[in-house]
Amino acid sequence: MSVFAVEYVYAAGSDAIRDEHRPGHREFLSGLAGEIALVASGPYVDGSGALLLLSAPSQAALAETLKDDPFAVSGSIAALRITEWSPVTGELSHHA
């Protein structure tokens, strides 16, 4: 299983839409389990977007799953970046 850093960049003027869909967005993320699971997530303090850390078998599988996020469905996300991440220290590091 790999860890991926997912960056959401919120669409300009989408504050009200995100407020409306935030409960569903959080329920969606907390409901992820099994092959794709949420490690941590939260918005940037400046309100421009959010960072999510997720474990998944592949980037393609994760991208497909994130299409169902209520923020994505509602058009609140202007840009999405998924990057495989290899933590070498800290709680998420892979110990040999």
N, C-alpha and C. Protein backbone atom coordinates (compact mmCIF):
# COMPACT_ATOMS: atom_id res chain seq x y z
N MET A 1 0.84 -1.18 0.00
CA MET A 1 0.00 0.00 0.00
C MET A 1 0.89 1.24 0.00
N SER A 2 0.56 2.20 -0.82
CA SER A 2 1.32 3.45 -0.92
C SER A 2 0.58 4.58 -0.23
N VAL A 3 1.33 5.60 0.17
CA VAL A 3 0.74 6.81 0.74
C VAL A 3 0.80 7.89 -0.33
N PHE A 4 -0.30 8.62 -0.47
CA PHE A 4 -0.39 9.69 -1.46
C PHE A 4 -0.76 10.99 -0.77
N ALA A 5 -0.09 12.07 -1.19
CA ALA A 5 -0.46 13.42 -0.79
C ALA A 5 -1.39 13.94 -1.87
N VAL A 6 -2.56 14.37 -1.47
CA VAL A 6 -3.55 14.89 -2.42
C VAL A 6 -3.78 16.36 -2.07
N GLU A 7 -3.59 17.20 -3.05
CA GLU A 7 -3.82 18.63 -2.84
C GLU A 7 -5.05 19.06 -3.62
N TYR A 8 -6.01 19.61 -2.89
CA TYR A 8 -7.18 20.23 -3.51
C TYR A 8 -6.93 21.73 -3.57
N VAL A 9 -7.17 22.34 -4.72
CA VAL A 9 -7.20 23.79 -4.85
C VAL A 9 -8.66 24.14 -5.08
N TYR A 10 -9.22 24.92 -4.16
CA TYR A 10 -10.63 25.24 -4.24
C TYR A 10 -10.92 26.23 -5.36
N ALA A 11 -12.05 26.06 -6.01
CA ALA A 11 -12.50 26.98 -7.04
C ALA A 11 -12.80 28.34 -6.43
N ALA A 12 -12.46 29.39 -7.15
CA ALA A 12 -12.73 30.74 -6.68
C ALA A 12 -14.23 30.92 -6.46
N GLY A 13 -14.58 31.54 -5.36
CA GLY A 13 -15.99 31.81 -5.08
C GLY A 13 -16.81 30.60 -4.67
N SER A 14 -16.13 29.52 -4.27
CA SER A 14 -16.85 28.28 -3.93
C SER A 14 -17.11 28.12 -2.43
N ASP A 15 -16.90 29.17 -1.65
CA ASP A 15 -17.06 29.07 -0.20
C ASP A 15 -18.45 28.55 0.20
N ALA A 16 -19.49 29.13 -0.35
CA ALA A 16 -20.86 28.74 0.01
C ALA A 16 -21.15 27.31 -0.42
N ILE A 17 -20.67 26.92 -1.58
CA ILE A 17 -20.88 25.54 -2.06
C ILE A 17 -20.16 24.56 -1.14
N ARG A 18 -18.93 24.90 -0.75
CA ARG A 18 -18.19 24.01 0.16
C ARG A 18 -18.87 23.93 1.51
N ASP A 19 -19.37 25.06 2.01
CA ASP A 19 -20.09 25.04 3.29
C ASP A 19 -21.27 24.09 3.22
N GLU A 20 -21.99 24.13 2.10
CA GLU A 20 -23.16 23.27 1.91
C GLU A 20 -22.78 21.79 1.86
N HIS A 21 -21.67 21.49 1.21
CA HIS A 21 -21.28 20.09 0.98
C HIS A 21 -20.26 19.55 1.98
N ARG A 22 -19.80 20.41 2.93
CA ARG A 22 -18.77 19.97 3.88
C ARG A 22 -19.18 18.74 4.70
N PRO A 23 -20.42 18.68 5.24
CA PRO A 23 -20.78 17.46 5.99
C PRO A 23 -20.65 16.18 5.14
N GLY A 24 -21.11 16.23 3.90
CA GLY A 24 -20.99 15.07 3.02
C GLY A 24 -19.55 14.76 2.67
N HIS A 25 -18.76 15.81 2.46
CA HIS A 25 -17.34 15.64 2.17
C HIS A 25 -16.63 14.93 3.32
N ARG A 26 -16.90 15.38 4.53
CA ARG A 26 -16.26 14.76 5.69
C ARG A 26 -16.75 13.33 5.91
N GLU A 27 -18.02 13.09 5.67
CA GLU A 27 -18.57 11.73 5.78
C GLU A 27 -17.93 10.82 4.73
N PHE A 28 -17.78 11.33 3.52
CA PHE A 28 -17.13 10.57 2.45
C PHE A 28 -15.72 10.17 2.85
N LEU A 29 -14.93 11.14 3.34
CA LEU A 29 -13.55 10.86 3.71
C LEU A 29 -13.47 9.89 4.88
N SER A 30 -14.28 10.11 5.90
CA SER A 30 -14.22 9.23 7.07
C SER A 30 -14.75 7.83 6.75
N GLY A 31 -15.54 7.71 5.72
CA GLY A 31 -16.08 6.41 5.33
C GLY A 31 -15.15 5.58 4.47
N LEU A 32 -14.04 6.17 4.02
CA LEU A 32 -13.08 5.41 3.23
C LEU A 32 -12.45 4.34 4.11
N ALA A 33 -12.39 3.14 3.61
CA ALA A 33 -11.81 2.03 4.37
C ALA A 33 -11.41 0.95 3.38
N GLY A 34 -10.62 0.02 3.86
CA GLY A 34 -10.21 -1.07 2.99
C GLY A 34 -9.02 -0.66 2.15
N GLU A 35 -9.13 -0.81 0.83
CA GLU A 35 -8.01 -0.53 -0.06
C GLU A 35 -7.60 0.93 -0.05
N ILE A 36 -8.56 1.83 0.12
CA ILE A 36 -8.27 3.26 0.15
C ILE A 36 -8.71 3.79 1.50
N ALA A 37 -7.78 4.39 2.24
CA ALA A 37 -8.10 4.86 3.59
C ALA A 37 -7.49 6.23 3.84
N LEU A 38 -8.23 7.04 4.57
CA LEU A 38 -7.76 8.36 4.96
C LEU A 38 -6.76 8.24 6.10
N VAL A 39 -5.62 8.91 5.95
CA VAL A 39 -4.62 8.98 7.01
C VAL A 39 -4.81 10.28 7.79
N ALA A 40 -4.93 11.39 7.08
CA ALA A 40 -5.16 12.70 7.69
C ALA A 40 -5.63 13.65 6.62
N SER A 41 -6.37 14.69 7.02
CA SER A 41 -6.78 15.71 6.06
C SER A 41 -7.12 16.99 6.79
N GLY A 42 -7.10 18.08 6.05
CA GLY A 42 -7.49 19.36 6.61
C GLY A 42 -7.26 20.48 5.62
N PRO A 43 -7.98 21.57 5.83
CA PRO A 43 -7.86 22.72 4.92
C PRO A 43 -6.62 23.55 5.22
N TYR A 44 -6.15 24.27 4.21
CA TYR A 44 -5.10 25.25 4.43
C TYR A 44 -5.72 26.42 5.19
N VAL A 45 -4.97 27.02 6.06
CA VAL A 45 -5.44 28.12 6.90
C VAL A 45 -5.91 29.30 6.04
N ASP A 46 -5.28 29.51 4.88
CA ASP A 46 -5.66 30.65 4.05
C ASP A 46 -6.93 30.41 3.23
N GLY A 47 -7.51 29.19 3.34
CA GLY A 47 -8.75 28.89 2.64
C GLY A 47 -8.62 28.57 1.17
N SER A 48 -7.39 28.44 0.67
CA SER A 48 -7.18 28.21 -0.76
C SER A 48 -7.38 26.76 -1.19
N GLY A 49 -7.36 25.84 -0.24
CA GLY A 49 -7.47 24.43 -0.59
C GLY A 49 -7.26 23.56 0.63
N ALA A 50 -6.87 22.32 0.37
CA ALA A 50 -6.69 21.36 1.45
C ALA A 50 -5.63 20.33 1.07
N LEU A 51 -5.09 19.70 2.09
CA LEU A 51 -4.14 18.60 1.91
C LEU A 51 -4.74 17.36 2.54
N LEU A 52 -4.71 16.27 1.79
CA LEU A 52 -5.21 14.99 2.27
C LEU A 52 -4.09 13.97 2.12
N LEU A 53 -3.90 13.13 3.12
CA LEU A 53 -2.97 12.01 3.04
C LEU A 53 -3.82 10.75 3.05
N LEU A 54 -3.65 9.93 2.02
CA LEU A 54 -4.44 8.72 1.90
C LEU A 54 -3.54 7.55 1.53
N SER A 55 -3.92 6.36 1.98
CA SER A 55 -3.23 5.16 1.54
C SER A 55 -4.10 4.51 0.48
N ALA A 56 -3.45 4.00 -0.56
CA ALA A 56 -4.19 3.42 -1.68
C ALA A 56 -3.27 2.46 -2.44
N PRO A 57 -3.87 1.51 -3.16
CA PRO A 57 -3.04 0.58 -3.92
C PRO A 57 -2.40 1.22 -5.15
N SER A 58 -3.02 2.29 -5.70
CA SER A 58 -2.47 2.95 -6.88
C SER A 58 -3.03 4.36 -7.00
N GLN A 59 -2.31 5.19 -7.74
CA GLN A 59 -2.77 6.55 -7.98
C GLN A 59 -4.06 6.53 -8.79
N ALA A 60 -4.17 5.63 -9.74
CA ALA A 60 -5.37 5.55 -10.58
C ALA A 60 -6.60 5.20 -9.75
N ALA A 61 -6.45 4.24 -8.85
CA ALA A 61 -7.59 3.85 -8.00
C ALA A 61 -8.00 5.00 -7.09
N LEU A 62 -7.03 5.73 -6.56
CA LEU A 62 -7.33 6.85 -5.69
C LEU A 62 -8.04 7.96 -6.48
N ALA A 63 -7.53 8.28 -7.65
CA ALA A 63 -8.14 9.32 -8.48
C ALA A 63 -9.59 8.98 -8.81
N GLU A 64 -9.84 7.73 -9.11
CA GLU A 64 -11.21 7.29 -9.43
C GLU A 64 -12.12 7.44 -8.21
N THR A 65 -11.64 7.07 -7.05
CA THR A 65 -12.42 7.19 -5.81
C THR A 65 -12.73 8.64 -5.48
N LEU A 66 -11.74 9.52 -5.65
CA LEU A 66 -11.93 10.93 -5.28
C LEU A 66 -12.94 11.65 -6.17
N LYS A 67 -13.26 11.08 -7.32
CA LYS A 67 -14.30 11.67 -8.18
C LYS A 67 -15.65 11.70 -7.47
N ASP A 68 -15.84 10.82 -6.47
CA ASP A 68 -17.11 10.74 -5.74
C ASP A 68 -17.16 11.66 -4.52
N ASP A 69 -16.07 12.36 -4.22
CA ASP A 69 -16.07 13.30 -3.10
C ASP A 69 -17.11 14.39 -3.40
N PRO A 70 -18.01 14.68 -2.47
CA PRO A 70 -19.00 15.73 -2.71
C PRO A 70 -18.39 17.07 -3.11
N PHE A 71 -17.18 17.39 -2.67
CA PHE A 71 -16.54 18.62 -3.11
C PHE A 71 -16.25 18.55 -4.61
N ALA A 72 -15.82 17.39 -5.10
CA ALA A 72 -15.55 17.23 -6.53
C ALA A 72 -16.85 17.25 -7.33
N VAL A 73 -17.85 16.53 -6.86
CA VAL A 73 -19.14 16.45 -7.56
C VAL A 73 -19.79 17.83 -7.67
N SER A 74 -19.62 18.66 -6.64
CA SER A 74 -20.25 19.99 -6.62
C SER A 74 -19.45 21.05 -7.39
N GLY A 75 -18.28 20.70 -7.90
CA GLY A 75 -17.47 21.65 -8.64
C GLY A 75 -16.65 22.58 -7.77
N SER A 76 -16.45 22.23 -6.52
CA SER A 76 -15.70 23.08 -5.58
C SER A 76 -14.19 22.99 -5.77
N ILE A 77 -13.71 22.00 -6.49
CA ILE A 77 -12.28 21.79 -6.65
C ILE A 77 -11.85 22.23 -8.05
N ALA A 78 -11.00 23.26 -8.10
CA ALA A 78 -10.52 23.78 -9.38
C ALA A 78 -9.34 22.97 -9.90
N ALA A 79 -8.53 22.44 -8.98
CA ALA A 79 -7.36 21.66 -9.37
C ALA A 79 -7.11 20.59 -8.33
N LEU A 80 -6.61 19.46 -8.81
CA LEU A 80 -6.34 18.31 -7.96
C LEU A 80 -4.96 17.79 -8.33
N ARG A 81 -4.14 17.58 -7.33
CA ARG A 81 -2.81 17.02 -7.56
C ARG A 81 -2.64 15.83 -6.64
N ILE A 82 -2.27 14.69 -7.21
CA ILE A 82 -2.03 13.48 -6.44
C ILE A 82 -0.56 13.09 -6.63
N THR A 83 0.15 12.99 -5.53
CA THR A 83 1.57 12.67 -5.59
C THR A 83 1.87 11.52 -4.63
N GLU A 84 2.50 10.47 -5.14
CA GLU A 84 2.91 9.38 -4.25
C GLU A 84 4.01 9.92 -3.34
N TRP A 85 3.91 9.56 -2.07
CA TRP A 85 4.80 10.11 -1.06
C TRP A 85 5.45 8.97 -0.31
N SER A 86 6.74 9.14 -0.02
CA SER A 86 7.49 8.10 0.69
C SER A 86 8.02 8.67 2.00
N PRO A 87 7.21 8.61 3.07
CA PRO A 87 7.68 9.13 4.35
C PRO A 87 8.82 8.28 4.89
N VAL A 88 9.92 8.93 5.26
CA VAL A 88 11.08 8.19 5.75
C VAL A 88 11.30 8.36 7.25
N THR A 89 10.64 9.35 7.85
CA THR A 89 10.72 9.53 9.30
C THR A 89 9.33 9.81 9.82
N GLY A 90 9.13 9.64 11.11
CA GLY A 90 7.84 9.93 11.71
C GLY A 90 6.92 8.74 11.73
N GLU A 91 5.70 9.00 12.18
CA GLU A 91 4.73 7.92 12.39
C GLU A 91 4.33 7.17 11.13
N LEU A 92 4.43 7.80 9.96
CA LEU A 92 4.00 7.17 8.73
C LEU A 92 5.14 6.48 7.97
N SER A 93 6.36 6.55 8.52
CA SER A 93 7.50 5.97 7.80
C SER A 93 7.39 4.45 7.72
N HIS A 94 7.96 3.93 6.66
CA HIS A 94 7.99 2.48 6.46
C HIS A 94 9.25 1.95 7.13
N HIS A 95 9.08 1.24 8.20
CA HIS A 95 10.25 0.68 8.91
C HIS A 95 10.64 -0.64 8.29
N ALA A 96 11.93 -0.78 8.01
CA ALA A 96 12.42 -2.02 7.40
C ALA A 96 12.54 -3.11 8.43
